[in-house]
């Protein structure tokens, strides 16, 4: 029972801590960053294209992290940039080089997450046309890609560098429509941007009516356009049965880059890049294994999280814990350190404060005993002896009701002794005054 009373006294002595803790906890949760969302939207490209295929593989990988990635089919890179700027999606695949159409303000609103893979530019011609340079396309019927696509954007850049004007015979078609037109002979040549494993590229390479054009001046284009790199296509890479191409060919390759707007939660960046690394780890016919994603080329300024990922790898906790658990721990630990730094001195003060609170229940009575001593020394006690004795008796009665923890009982008992000593002293003075009324009491 006594132990229970001690606990109650301890709790009562520290009730003032409750509002402080409530305020601190409130500030902690107010300052805590919001949890990363479990839903994410990504603009890809036309269904069946390379961007959409990559998006589906990334979607499957993110399911393992309980992230629902919604794929939004689009007409291509320019459409993807528009959707990013409008806030319709958080991330999108964008062909490197297409960002040049944006003004500085719009470019500053978007950030890069890195290059995902190379997507070569293929120029197929009808066999026997003898197209050797881009200037040879003048007057020819050429499919230059659908309006708003990365294919048309990079082709226009190359044609402009050759000071070639838009030819009336050039057609804004691409993909399967361009391939069918090329096979039928409705166009003389067609540009495509796709990875070598793309089914459309393989079909074109298998046709004996078509021939792949080599960019002999690839090094010059590469020097002029930082977003392009030259790629060597070995003989027979696209189709061994038909030996296509029938000799080594050099082409140009932009990069498929992952771009984000300000709506992307920062904590999702390293998780998305790690998922992309897992998807791309085996590489393809042109990209070596474990090469992508990578920071170069930097078409948009990398986010702080992406830059840290390429420098140091995924966050430490995400290497060993599921994403949601790692993110939760990471969010809490950032604020727990200063929170603990505040609580430690606060809890260190509990013991002295508790001691002071308990002893104050005892020591407040000593002030009255000191007042009695002062009256005795000042010779003012004679007229108030009876009243002071009665007051000390009342003090003694009150002390019998005072409860203190067991560890402080000796101090309470000492107070009892001091009160009794003062009472005995005053009674002795009273007896002396009764026996010698004209003699001053001995102090």
Protein backbone atom coordinates (compact mmCIF):
# COMPACT_ATOMS: atom_id res chain seq x y z
CA UNK A 1 0.00 0.00 0.00
CA UNK A 2 2.82 2.37 0.90
CA UNK A 3 4.53 1.60 -2.41
CA UNK A 4 1.32 2.44 -4.30
CA UNK A 5 1.14 5.77 -2.49
CA UNK A 6 4.73 6.48 -3.48
CA UNK A 7 3.85 5.88 -7.13
CA UNK A 8 0.82 8.15 -6.90
CA UNK A 9 2.94 10.87 -5.36
CA UNK A 10 5.54 10.51 -8.08
CA UNK A 11 2.88 10.80 -10.79
CA UNK A 12 1.26 13.83 -9.14
CA UNK A 13 4.63 15.51 -8.80
CA UNK A 14 5.18 15.24 -12.56
CA UNK A 15 1.76 16.06 -13.98
CA UNK A 16 3.28 19.24 -15.39
CA UNK A 17 5.18 17.06 -17.87
CA UNK A 18 2.00 15.92 -19.63
CA UNK A 19 1.25 19.17 -21.52
CA UNK A 20 4.94 19.51 -22.43
CA UNK A 21 5.05 15.97 -23.84
CA UNK A 22 1.77 16.53 -25.71
CA UNK A 23 3.21 19.67 -27.31
CA UNK A 24 6.49 17.92 -28.22
CA UNK A 25 4.68 14.93 -29.74
CA UNK A 26 2.41 17.28 -31.67
CA UNK A 27 5.39 19.19 -33.05
CA UNK A 28 7.08 15.86 -33.93
CA UNK A 29 4.16 14.63 -36.03
CA UNK A 30 3.60 18.08 -37.54
CA UNK A 31 7.21 18.23 -38.71
CA UNK A 32 7.18 14.61 -39.94
CA UNK A 33 7.31 14.39 -43.73
CA UNK A 34 4.20 12.83 -45.33
CA UNK A 35 4.45 9.16 -46.16
CA UNK A 36 5.31 8.33 -49.78
CA UNK A 37 2.19 7.56 -51.83
CA UNK A 38 1.51 4.02 -52.95
CA UNK A 39 0.13 5.18 -56.30
CA UNK A 40 2.19 6.59 -59.16
CA UNK A 41 1.38 7.56 -62.76
CA UNK A 42 3.82 7.30 -65.66
CA UNK A 43 3.49 8.53 -69.24
CA UNK A 44 4.98 6.01 -71.65
CA UNK A 45 4.21 6.03 -75.38
CA UNK A 46 2.08 4.13 -77.79
CA UNK A 47 1.02 0.65 -76.70
CA UNK A 48 3.33 -1.95 -78.17
CA UNK A 49 6.24 0.49 -78.34
CA UNK A 50 9.52 0.31 -76.45
CA UNK A 51 8.50 2.89 -73.86
CA UNK A 52 5.29 1.06 -73.05
CA UNK A 53 7.15 -2.25 -72.83
CA UNK A 54 9.63 -0.77 -70.35
CA UNK A 55 6.74 0.75 -68.40
CA UNK A 56 5.05 -2.65 -68.06
CA UNK A 57 8.23 -4.28 -66.78
CA UNK A 58 8.75 -1.45 -64.30
CA UNK A 59 5.13 -1.77 -63.24
CA UNK A 60 5.56 -5.47 -62.43
CA UNK A 61 8.75 -4.77 -60.46
CA UNK A 62 7.14 -2.00 -58.39
CA UNK A 63 4.29 -4.31 -57.40
CA UNK A 64 6.81 -6.10 -55.18
CA UNK A 65 7.15 -2.84 -53.24
CA UNK A 66 3.35 -2.41 -53.02
CA UNK A 67 3.53 0.54 -55.41
CA UNK A 68 0.74 0.76 -57.98
CA UNK A 69 2.22 2.23 -61.18
CA UNK A 70 -0.45 3.36 -63.61
CA UNK A 71 0.74 3.56 -67.21
CA UNK A 72 -0.62 6.35 -69.39
CA UNK A 73 -0.24 5.64 -73.15
CA UNK A 74 0.68 8.76 -75.14
CA UNK A 75 1.70 9.85 -78.61
CA UNK A 76 5.36 10.19 -77.65
CA UNK A 77 8.01 12.26 -75.92
CA UNK A 78 6.56 15.70 -76.65
CA UNK A 79 3.19 14.59 -75.35
CA UNK A 80 4.93 13.17 -72.27
CA UNK A 81 6.63 16.51 -71.57
CA UNK A 82 3.28 18.30 -71.83
CA UNK A 83 1.65 15.87 -69.41
CA UNK A 84 4.51 16.33 -66.95
CA UNK A 85 4.21 20.11 -67.12
CA UNK A 86 0.42 19.91 -66.71
CA UNK A 87 0.82 17.65 -63.68
CA UNK A 88 -1.17 14.80 -65.22
CA UNK A 89 1.62 12.32 -64.41
CA UNK A 90 4.55 12.25 -61.97
CA UNK A 91 7.14 10.55 -64.20
CA UNK A 92 7.55 9.93 -67.92
CA UNK A 93 9.94 8.47 -70.45
CA UNK A 94 11.34 11.17 -72.69
CA UNK A 95 13.74 10.80 -75.58
CA UNK A 96 16.92 12.81 -75.02
CA UNK A 97 17.04 15.87 -77.23
CA UNK A 98 13.31 16.60 -77.20
CA UNK A 99 13.80 18.80 -74.12
CA UNK A 100 15.29 21.42 -76.43
CA UNK A 101 11.84 22.56 -77.47
CA UNK A 102 11.11 23.78 -73.91
CA UNK A 103 11.81 27.29 -72.71
CA UNK A 104 14.04 27.81 -69.68
CA UNK A 105 11.08 28.23 -67.34
CA UNK A 106 9.45 24.93 -68.29
CA UNK A 107 12.79 23.11 -68.25
CA UNK A 108 13.39 24.32 -64.71
CA UNK A 109 10.10 22.74 -63.58
CA UNK A 110 11.25 19.27 -64.60
CA UNK A 111 14.05 17.09 -63.24
CA UNK A 112 15.90 14.09 -64.56
CA UNK A 113 16.08 10.68 -62.94
CA UNK A 114 18.64 9.35 -65.40
CA UNK A 115 19.04 7.53 -68.71
CA UNK A 116 17.30 4.15 -68.88
CA UNK A 117 18.63 2.68 -72.14
CA UNK A 118 19.83 3.54 -75.62
CA UNK A 119 17.23 3.66 -78.39
CA UNK A 120 19.01 3.86 -81.76
CA UNK A 121 17.78 5.88 -84.71
CA UNK A 122 17.26 3.54 -87.66
CA UNK A 123 17.03 4.72 -91.25
CA UNK A 124 15.69 2.03 -93.59
CA UNK A 125 15.60 2.58 -97.35
CA UNK A 126 14.18 0.66 -100.25
CA UNK A 127 16.92 -1.54 -101.69
CA UNK A 128 18.85 -0.01 -104.56
CA UNK A 129 18.11 3.65 -103.78
CA UNK A 130 21.73 4.29 -102.81
CA UNK A 131 21.02 6.68 -99.94
CA UNK A 132 24.43 7.34 -98.35
CA UNK A 133 23.95 10.71 -96.64
CA UNK A 134 20.97 12.59 -95.28
CA UNK A 135 21.29 15.04 -98.15
CA UNK A 136 20.38 12.14 -100.44
CA UNK A 137 16.87 12.23 -98.94
CA UNK A 138 16.04 15.43 -100.80
CA UNK A 139 13.17 14.80 -103.18
CA UNK A 140 12.53 11.33 -101.73
CA UNK A 141 9.36 10.18 -100.01
CA UNK A 142 10.43 9.85 -96.37
CA UNK A 143 8.51 8.91 -93.19
CA UNK A 144 9.97 11.18 -90.49
CA UNK A 145 7.83 10.11 -87.53
CA UNK A 146 4.50 11.21 -86.13
CA UNK A 147 4.13 14.82 -85.04
CA UNK A 148 4.98 15.18 -81.35
CA UNK A 149 7.18 12.11 -81.19
CA UNK A 150 10.84 11.90 -80.27
CA UNK A 151 11.53 10.32 -83.63
CA UNK A 152 10.42 13.42 -85.53
CA UNK A 153 12.22 15.70 -83.03
CA UNK A 154 15.63 14.05 -83.52
CA UNK A 155 15.15 13.74 -87.31
CA UNK A 156 14.32 17.46 -87.57
CA UNK A 157 17.46 18.29 -85.58
CA UNK A 158 19.61 16.26 -88.00
CA UNK A 159 17.94 17.68 -91.10
CA UNK A 160 18.28 21.25 -89.83
CA UNK A 161 22.00 20.63 -89.16
CA UNK A 162 22.28 19.69 -92.84
CA UNK A 163 20.38 22.86 -93.82
CA UNK A 164 17.62 20.80 -95.38
CA UNK A 165 14.18 22.37 -95.70
CA UNK A 166 10.98 20.49 -94.99
CA UNK A 167 10.28 18.57 -98.17
CA UNK A 168 6.69 18.24 -99.33
CA UNK A 169 7.30 14.54 -99.95
CA UNK A 170 8.17 13.89 -96.31
CA UNK A 171 5.35 12.31 -94.36
CA UNK A 172 4.57 12.62 -90.65
CA UNK A 173 3.97 8.93 -90.08
CA UNK A 174 5.83 6.47 -87.92
CA UNK A 175 5.72 3.10 -86.21
CA UNK A 176 3.78 0.31 -87.89
CA UNK A 177 2.15 2.69 -90.40
CA UNK A 178 5.56 3.86 -91.63
CA UNK A 179 6.86 0.27 -91.77
CA UNK A 180 3.89 -0.90 -93.84
CA UNK A 181 4.22 2.09 -96.19
CA UNK A 182 7.93 1.34 -96.63
CA UNK A 183 7.33 -2.34 -97.45
CA UNK A 184 4.55 -1.43 -99.91
CA UNK A 185 6.78 1.09 -101.59
CA UNK A 186 4.61 4.09 -100.67
CA UNK A 187 7.67 5.74 -99.15
CA UNK A 188 11.33 5.44 -100.13
CA UNK A 189 12.83 5.63 -96.63
CA UNK A 190 11.66 5.81 -93.04
CA UNK A 191 13.13 6.76 -89.69
CA UNK A 192 12.46 4.74 -86.54
CA UNK A 193 13.63 5.09 -82.95
CA UNK A 194 13.50 1.82 -81.05
CA UNK A 195 15.75 -0.72 -79.32
CA UNK A 196 17.17 -3.48 -81.56
CA UNK A 197 15.01 -6.14 -79.94
CA UNK A 198 11.84 -4.32 -80.99
CA UNK A 199 9.67 -6.58 -83.15
CA UNK A 200 9.08 -3.85 -85.73
CA UNK A 201 12.83 -3.33 -86.27
CA UNK A 202 13.38 -7.07 -86.60
CA UNK A 203 10.59 -7.35 -89.17
CA UNK A 204 12.10 -4.56 -91.25
CA UNK A 205 15.56 -6.11 -91.01
CA UNK A 206 14.20 -9.45 -92.25
CA UNK A 207 12.77 -7.92 -95.44
CA UNK A 208 14.90 -8.41 -98.56
CA UNK A 209 13.32 -5.26 -100.03
CA UNK A 210 14.88 -2.99 -97.40
CA UNK A 211 18.36 -1.93 -96.45
CA UNK A 212 19.73 -0.21 -93.33
CA UNK A 213 21.53 3.09 -93.91
CA UNK A 214 24.80 3.75 -92.07
CA UNK A 215 25.52 7.20 -90.62
CA UNK A 216 29.11 7.54 -91.80
CA UNK A 217 29.42 10.96 -90.21
CA UNK A 218 28.12 9.78 -86.81
CA UNK A 219 31.13 11.24 -84.98
CA UNK A 220 30.33 14.69 -86.35
CA UNK A 221 26.70 14.43 -85.29
CA UNK A 222 27.76 13.18 -81.87
CA UNK A 223 30.04 16.19 -81.40
CA UNK A 224 27.27 18.58 -82.43
CA UNK A 225 24.47 16.97 -80.41
CA UNK A 226 25.47 15.92 -76.86
CA UNK A 227 22.24 13.95 -76.44
CA UNK A 228 23.29 11.57 -79.24
CA UNK A 229 25.93 8.84 -79.20
CA UNK A 230 27.24 6.72 -82.05
CA UNK A 231 26.45 3.02 -81.95
CA UNK A 232 28.04 0.24 -83.96
CA UNK A 233 25.57 -2.33 -85.28
CA UNK A 234 27.54 -5.52 -86.02
CA UNK A 235 26.86 -7.49 -89.17
CA UNK A 236 23.87 -9.83 -88.73
CA UNK A 237 22.81 -8.35 -85.34
CA UNK A 238 19.22 -7.68 -86.33
CA UNK A 239 18.63 -10.90 -88.25
CA UNK A 240 21.18 -13.67 -88.52
CA UNK A 241 19.09 -15.70 -90.99
CA UNK A 242 19.05 -12.89 -93.55
CA UNK A 243 22.38 -11.45 -92.35
CA UNK A 244 20.88 -8.05 -91.65
CA UNK A 245 22.68 -5.76 -91.75
CA UNK A 246 25.01 -7.36 -94.28
CA UNK A 247 27.93 -5.33 -92.94
CA UNK A 248 28.78 -3.32 -89.84
CA UNK A 249 26.62 -0.22 -89.68
CA UNK A 250 27.02 2.92 -87.56
CA UNK A 251 23.93 4.69 -86.37
CA UNK A 252 23.05 7.40 -83.84
CA UNK A 253 21.30 6.82 -80.58
CA UNK A 254 19.42 9.14 -78.27
CA UNK A 255 18.64 7.94 -74.75
CA UNK A 256 15.35 6.98 -73.20
CA UNK A 257 15.42 9.19 -70.09
CA UNK A 258 13.16 9.13 -67.07
CA UNK A 259 11.89 12.60 -66.17
CA UNK A 260 9.88 13.75 -63.14
CA UNK A 261 8.00 16.86 -62.09
CA UNK A 262 7.63 18.37 -58.63
CA UNK A 263 4.75 16.03 -57.75
CA UNK A 264 7.05 13.04 -57.35
CA UNK A 265 7.66 12.24 -53.69
CA UNK A 266 11.44 12.41 -53.06
CA UNK A 267 11.50 9.08 -51.21
CA UNK A 268 10.22 7.28 -54.31
CA UNK A 269 13.19 8.28 -56.48
CA UNK A 270 15.80 5.77 -55.23
CA UNK A 271 13.17 3.03 -55.13
CA UNK A 272 12.15 3.72 -58.75
CA UNK A 273 15.77 3.76 -59.89
CA UNK A 274 16.55 0.54 -58.03
CA UNK A 275 13.52 -1.09 -59.65
CA UNK A 276 14.69 0.17 -63.06
CA UNK A 277 18.16 -1.23 -62.41
CA UNK A 278 16.60 -4.60 -61.64
CA UNK A 279 14.51 -4.47 -64.84
CA UNK A 280 17.51 -3.50 -66.99
CA UNK A 281 20.19 -5.59 -65.28
CA UNK A 282 20.45 -8.14 -68.11
CA UNK A 283 21.00 -5.45 -70.74
CA UNK A 284 20.14 -6.06 -74.39
CA UNK A 285 21.86 -6.58 -77.73
CA UNK A 286 23.47 -3.14 -77.52
CA UNK A 287 23.58 -2.31 -73.82
CA UNK A 288 25.86 -4.35 -71.61
CA UNK A 289 24.46 -5.91 -68.44
CA UNK A 290 24.30 -3.70 -65.34
CA UNK A 291 24.98 -0.54 -67.34
CA UNK A 292 21.68 1.29 -66.87
CA UNK A 293 20.20 3.38 -65.41
CA UNK A 294 22.95 5.98 -65.33
CA UNK A 295 23.25 9.72 -64.82
CA UNK A 296 24.56 10.62 -68.30
CA UNK A 297 23.58 12.31 -70.46
CA UNK A 298 22.13 14.98 -68.14
CA UNK A 299 19.29 16.40 -70.23
CA UNK A 300 17.49 17.73 -67.15
CA UNK A 301 19.10 18.60 -63.83
CA UNK A 302 19.11 15.48 -61.67
CA UNK A 303 17.07 15.54 -58.50
CA UNK A 304 19.08 15.54 -55.28
CA UNK A 305 17.88 12.01 -54.56
CA UNK A 306 18.81 10.73 -58.03
CA UNK A 307 22.26 12.31 -57.84
CA UNK A 308 22.81 10.69 -54.43
CA UNK A 309 21.65 7.33 -55.81
CA UNK A 310 24.20 7.38 -58.64
CA UNK A 311 26.97 8.45 -56.27
CA UNK A 312 26.23 6.18 -53.28
CA UNK A 313 23.66 3.62 -54.35
CA UNK A 314 20.25 3.15 -52.69
CA UNK A 315 19.69 4.45 -49.15
CA UNK A 316 21.19 2.16 -46.51
CA UNK A 317 17.90 0.99 -45.01
CA UNK A 318 16.38 0.21 -48.43
CA UNK A 319 19.20 -2.25 -49.07
CA UNK A 320 17.96 -4.54 -46.31
CA UNK A 321 14.31 -3.63 -45.63
CA UNK A 322 11.16 -3.44 -47.75
CA UNK A 323 10.63 0.05 -49.12
CA UNK A 324 7.67 1.02 -46.94
CA UNK A 325 9.37 -0.08 -43.72
CA UNK A 326 12.65 1.57 -44.69
CA UNK A 327 10.84 4.78 -45.61
CA UNK A 328 8.94 4.79 -42.31
CA UNK A 329 12.10 4.27 -40.26
CA UNK A 330 13.97 6.87 -42.29
CA UNK A 331 11.24 9.48 -41.79
CA UNK A 332 11.06 8.89 -38.05
CA UNK A 333 14.78 8.67 -37.38
CA UNK A 334 15.40 12.11 -38.90
CA UNK A 335 13.17 13.70 -36.28
CA UNK A 336 13.80 11.27 -33.43
CA UNK A 337 17.39 12.43 -32.97
CA UNK A 338 16.49 16.07 -32.13
CA UNK A 339 13.41 14.85 -30.26
CA UNK A 340 15.58 12.67 -28.03
CA UNK A 341 18.06 15.52 -27.67
CA UNK A 342 15.23 17.57 -26.14
CA UNK A 343 13.85 14.78 -23.96
CA UNK A 344 17.17 13.69 -22.43
CA UNK A 345 17.81 16.88 -20.41
CA UNK A 346 14.12 17.01 -19.60
CA UNK A 347 14.16 13.53 -18.07
CA UNK A 348 17.47 14.22 -16.36
CA UNK A 349 15.74 17.01 -14.49
CA UNK A 350 13.04 14.67 -13.16
CA UNK A 351 15.07 13.43 -10.21
CA UNK A 352 16.11 16.87 -8.86
CA UNK A 353 12.64 18.26 -9.49
CA UNK A 354 11.00 15.33 -7.75
CA UNK A 355 13.37 15.66 -4.80
CA UNK A 356 12.61 19.36 -4.55
CA UNK A 357 8.84 18.75 -4.73
CA UNK A 358 8.94 16.13 -1.96
CA UNK A 359 11.24 18.07 0.32
CA UNK A 360 9.17 21.21 -0.15
CA UNK A 361 6.35 19.37 1.62
CA UNK A 362 8.66 19.07 4.60
CA UNK A 363 10.87 22.12 4.53
CA UNK A 364 8.03 24.66 4.34
CA UNK A 365 7.42 24.04 8.07
CA UNK A 366 10.96 25.04 8.97
CA UNK A 367 10.18 28.61 8.01
CA UNK A 368 7.75 28.79 10.93
CA UNK A 369 10.34 27.30 13.30
CA UNK A 370 12.83 29.96 12.19
CA UNK A 371 10.25 32.66 12.90
CA UNK A 372 9.89 31.38 16.44
CA UNK A 373 13.66 31.45 16.89
CA UNK A 374 13.78 35.04 15.61
CA UNK A 375 11.09 36.09 18.11
CA UNK A 376 12.99 34.45 20.96
CA UNK A 377 16.25 36.19 20.10
CA UNK A 378 14.46 39.52 19.67
CA UNK A 379 12.79 39.16 23.10
CA UNK A 380 9.33 39.26 21.56
CA UNK A 381 8.19 35.79 22.62
CA UNK A 382 6.94 36.50 26.19
CA UNK A 383 3.58 37.89 25.12
CA UNK A 384 2.92 35.12 22.59
CA UNK A 385 4.18 31.97 24.30
CA UNK A 386 0.77 30.36 24.71
CA UNK A 387 -0.26 31.14 21.12
CA UNK A 388 3.01 29.80 19.71
CA UNK A 389 2.72 26.57 21.71
CA UNK A 390 -0.83 26.06 20.42
CA UNK A 391 0.36 26.80 16.87
CA UNK A 392 3.16 24.23 17.20
CA UNK A 393 0.64 21.66 18.41
CA UNK A 394 -1.45 22.38 15.29
CA UNK A 395 1.68 21.96 13.17
CA UNK A 396 2.33 18.61 14.77
CA UNK A 397 -1.24 17.51 14.03
CA UNK A 398 -0.86 18.55 10.39
CA UNK A 399 2.45 16.74 10.08
CA UNK A 400 0.78 13.52 11.09
CA UNK A 401 -1.27 13.77 7.88
CA UNK A 402 1.70 14.48 5.58
CA UNK A 403 2.74 11.60 3.31
CA UNK A 404 6.18 11.31 1.75
CA UNK A 405 7.94 8.43 -0.04
CA UNK A 406 9.70 5.94 2.18
CA UNK A 407 13.07 7.21 1.06
CA UNK A 408 12.27 10.63 2.56
CA UNK A 409 10.65 9.42 5.79
CA UNK A 410 13.73 10.21 7.88
CA UNK A 411 13.47 13.88 6.95
CA UNK A 412 9.82 13.96 8.03
CA UNK A 413 10.70 12.31 11.33
CA UNK A 414 13.47 14.84 11.88
CA UNK A 415 10.92 17.61 11.38
CA UNK A 416 8.70 15.99 14.01
CA UNK A 417 11.68 16.02 16.43
CA UNK A 418 12.45 19.67 15.70
CA UNK A 419 8.83 20.68 16.27
CA UNK A 420 8.78 18.81 19.58
CA UNK A 421 12.11 20.39 20.56
CA UNK A 422 10.68 23.87 19.91
CA UNK A 423 7.54 23.03 21.90
CA UNK A 424 9.63 21.73 24.80
CA UNK A 425 11.73 24.89 24.64
CA UNK A 426 8.70 27.20 24.73
CA UNK A 427 7.04 25.24 27.56
CA UNK A 428 10.26 25.51 29.56
CA UNK A 429 10.25 29.27 29.03
CA UNK A 430 6.57 29.37 30.04
CA UNK A 431 7.26 27.47 33.29
CA UNK A 432 10.17 29.81 34.09
CA UNK A 433 7.98 32.87 33.49
CA UNK A 434 5.26 31.43 35.76
CA UNK A 435 7.84 30.83 38.54
CA UNK A 436 9.60 34.24 38.10
CA UNK A 437 7.22 36.62 36.41
CA UNK A 438 9.58 39.62 36.77
CA UNK A 439 12.67 37.85 35.40
CA UNK A 440 13.36 37.82 31.63
CA UNK A 441 13.35 34.28 30.28
CA UNK A 442 16.67 32.63 29.56
CA UNK A 443 17.17 32.21 25.83
